[in-house]
């Protein structure tokens, strides 16, 4: 996060991504980077189409950076999903000059599911929104860290 903070302009919204095998949850922040809001879920096809859909959102919303959830194992080690996420980021870096950072996403889906259950969301609706709600949790964690770095 420190490198991203140094590379970002003072203001401007960020994207948060929850990268799954079948979907990509997308969340965006406000311009002051205080609040993350779930936005949408992209159905994964192949990298070029996935990246085009993401970069379209980036352009439409004039986003200034991207935070990818990094799915560490519960013991903190990196498994195949982390490697896949890092490869996605490397490929995405070739297509955009925006800074890309990682944020530990452990339990973000669990937190999103719990929040949706507390909101009495139907099972069908939960399955439709869980990925971008999880992306919101990932992005909010990163925003909170960036805010702490600002005051140091």
Protein backbone atom coordinates (compact mmCIF):
# COMPACT_ATOMS: atom_id res chain seq x y z
CA UNK A 1 0.00 0.00 0.00
CA UNK A 2 2.89 2.37 0.67
CA UNK A 3 4.01 2.22 -2.96
CA UNK A 4 0.49 2.78 -4.18
CA UNK A 5 0.02 5.75 -1.84
CA UNK A 6 3.17 7.34 -3.25
CA UNK A 7 2.00 6.78 -6.85
CA UNK A 8 -1.53 8.14 -6.43
CA UNK A 9 -2.66 11.72 -6.97
CA UNK A 10 -4.15 13.40 -3.88
CA UNK A 11 -7.72 12.72 -4.94
CA UNK A 12 -9.54 10.40 -7.26
CA UNK A 13 -11.52 7.21 -6.95
CA UNK A 14 -10.07 3.71 -6.83
CA UNK A 15 -11.38 0.32 -7.91
CA UNK A 16 -11.38 -2.77 -5.73
CA UNK A 17 -11.50 -6.22 -7.31
CA UNK A 18 -12.47 -9.60 -5.91
CA UNK A 19 -10.98 -11.92 -8.52
CA UNK A 20 -12.68 -15.30 -8.65
CA UNK A 21 -12.42 -18.14 -11.11
CA UNK A 22 -15.85 -17.42 -12.63
CA UNK A 23 -16.46 -13.77 -11.74
CA UNK A 24 -14.75 -10.50 -10.86
CA UNK A 25 -16.46 -8.43 -8.20
CA UNK A 26 -15.92 -4.70 -8.71
CA UNK A 27 -16.25 -1.92 -6.14
CA UNK A 28 -15.34 1.76 -6.42
CA UNK A 29 -14.52 4.46 -3.92
CA UNK A 30 -15.59 8.05 -3.74
CA UNK A 31 -13.15 10.67 -5.02
CA UNK A 32 -11.81 11.40 -1.54
CA UNK A 33 -11.15 7.68 -0.98
CA UNK A 34 -13.16 7.39 2.19
CA UNK A 35 -16.00 4.99 1.28
CA UNK A 36 -16.06 1.88 -0.92
CA UNK A 37 -19.28 0.97 -2.71
CA UNK A 38 -20.01 -2.31 -4.48
CA UNK A 39 -20.54 -1.69 -8.20
CA UNK A 40 -20.94 -4.80 -10.35
CA UNK A 41 -19.85 -8.32 -11.11
CA UNK A 42 -18.13 -9.24 -14.35
CA UNK A 43 -18.57 -12.81 -15.64
CA UNK A 44 -15.11 -14.07 -16.52
CA UNK A 45 -14.47 -15.24 -20.06
CA UNK A 46 -10.83 -14.83 -21.02
CA UNK A 47 -8.25 -12.30 -19.89
CA UNK A 48 -8.55 -9.91 -22.85
CA UNK A 49 -12.33 -9.63 -22.46
CA UNK A 50 -12.12 -9.40 -18.66
CA UNK A 51 -9.46 -6.67 -18.87
CA UNK A 52 -11.47 -4.75 -21.48
CA UNK A 53 -14.54 -4.77 -19.21
CA UNK A 54 -12.45 -3.58 -16.25
CA UNK A 55 -10.66 -0.88 -18.20
CA UNK A 56 -14.00 0.37 -19.53
CA UNK A 57 -15.13 0.91 -15.92
CA UNK A 58 -11.79 2.56 -15.12
CA UNK A 59 -12.17 4.98 -18.04
CA UNK A 60 -15.85 5.76 -17.46
CA UNK A 61 -15.24 6.57 -13.81
CA UNK A 62 -11.80 8.16 -14.26
CA UNK A 63 -10.33 5.84 -11.62
CA UNK A 64 -6.80 6.48 -10.36
CA UNK A 65 -5.74 3.03 -9.12
CA UNK A 66 -6.76 -0.61 -8.69
CA UNK A 67 -6.70 -2.75 -5.55
CA UNK A 68 -6.80 -6.49 -6.09
CA UNK A 69 -7.84 -8.82 -3.31
CA UNK A 70 -5.05 -11.33 -2.67
CA UNK A 71 -6.48 -14.67 -1.50
CA UNK A 72 -3.92 -15.84 1.04
CA UNK A 73 -4.47 -19.19 2.71
CA UNK A 74 -5.72 -18.92 6.29
CA UNK A 75 -2.19 -19.62 7.57
CA UNK A 76 -0.88 -16.64 5.59
CA UNK A 77 0.82 -18.69 2.90
CA UNK A 78 0.29 -18.17 -0.81
CA UNK A 79 -1.35 -20.89 -2.86
CA UNK A 80 -2.38 -21.28 -6.50
CA UNK A 81 -5.12 -18.62 -6.24
CA UNK A 82 -2.55 -16.02 -5.10
CA UNK A 83 -0.31 -16.96 -8.03
CA UNK A 84 -3.26 -16.60 -10.42
CA UNK A 85 -4.13 -13.18 -8.96
CA UNK A 86 -0.53 -11.98 -9.26
CA UNK A 87 -0.42 -13.19 -12.90
CA UNK A 88 -3.68 -11.31 -13.62
CA UNK A 89 -2.13 -8.15 -12.13
CA UNK A 90 1.06 -8.54 -14.19
CA UNK A 91 -1.00 -8.87 -17.37
CA UNK A 92 -3.21 -5.93 -16.40
CA UNK A 93 -0.14 -3.75 -15.72
CA UNK A 94 0.76 -4.10 -19.40
CA UNK A 95 -2.56 -2.50 -20.36
CA UNK A 96 -2.81 0.42 -17.94
CA UNK A 97 -0.42 2.90 -16.35
CA UNK A 98 -2.52 2.96 -13.15
CA UNK A 99 -0.93 1.77 -9.93
CA UNK A 100 -2.09 -1.70 -8.89
CA UNK A 101 -1.84 -2.89 -5.30
CA UNK A 102 -2.83 -6.02 -3.40
CA UNK A 103 -4.93 -6.30 -0.26
CA UNK A 104 -5.35 -9.37 1.93
CA UNK A 105 -8.84 -10.60 1.15
CA UNK A 106 -9.10 -13.41 3.69
CA UNK A 107 -12.65 -13.60 5.03
CA UNK A 108 -13.95 -10.78 2.81
CA UNK A 109 -16.53 -13.10 1.26
CA UNK A 110 -17.51 -14.35 4.73
CA UNK A 111 -18.00 -10.74 5.91
CA UNK A 112 -20.00 -9.92 2.77
CA UNK A 113 -22.19 -12.99 3.23
CA UNK A 114 -22.81 -12.10 6.87
CA UNK A 115 -23.78 -8.52 5.98
CA UNK A 116 -26.17 -9.75 3.28
CA UNK A 117 -27.74 -12.25 5.67
CA UNK A 118 -28.20 -9.53 8.30
CA UNK A 119 -29.90 -7.42 5.63
CA UNK A 120 -32.28 -10.35 5.04
CA UNK A 121 -31.19 -10.67 1.42
CA UNK A 122 -32.67 -13.63 -0.46
CA UNK A 123 -30.41 -16.51 -1.45
CA UNK A 124 -30.84 -15.66 -5.15
CA UNK A 125 -29.96 -11.99 -4.61
CA UNK A 126 -26.97 -12.91 -2.40
CA UNK A 127 -25.53 -15.06 -5.19
CA UNK A 128 -25.93 -12.13 -7.61
CA UNK A 129 -24.17 -9.53 -5.44
CA UNK A 130 -21.76 -11.43 -3.17
CA UNK A 131 -18.70 -10.86 -5.37
CA UNK A 132 -19.00 -7.08 -5.66
CA UNK A 133 -19.96 -6.76 -1.99
CA UNK A 134 -16.77 -8.71 -1.15
CA UNK A 135 -14.85 -6.33 -3.46
CA UNK A 136 -16.28 -3.48 -1.37
CA UNK A 137 -14.84 -5.04 1.79
CA UNK A 138 -11.46 -5.46 0.11
CA UNK A 139 -11.42 -1.87 -1.15
CA UNK A 140 -12.60 -0.45 2.19
CA UNK A 141 -9.70 -2.15 3.97
CA UNK A 142 -7.27 -0.65 1.50
CA UNK A 143 -8.88 2.80 1.78
CA UNK A 144 -8.60 2.68 5.57
CA UNK A 145 -4.89 1.80 5.25
CA UNK A 146 -4.31 4.62 2.77
CA UNK A 147 -6.01 7.06 5.14
CA UNK A 148 -3.71 5.94 7.99
CA UNK A 149 -0.66 6.40 5.74
CA UNK A 150 -1.82 9.97 4.99
CA UNK A 151 -1.73 11.02 8.64
CA UNK A 152 1.69 9.54 9.34
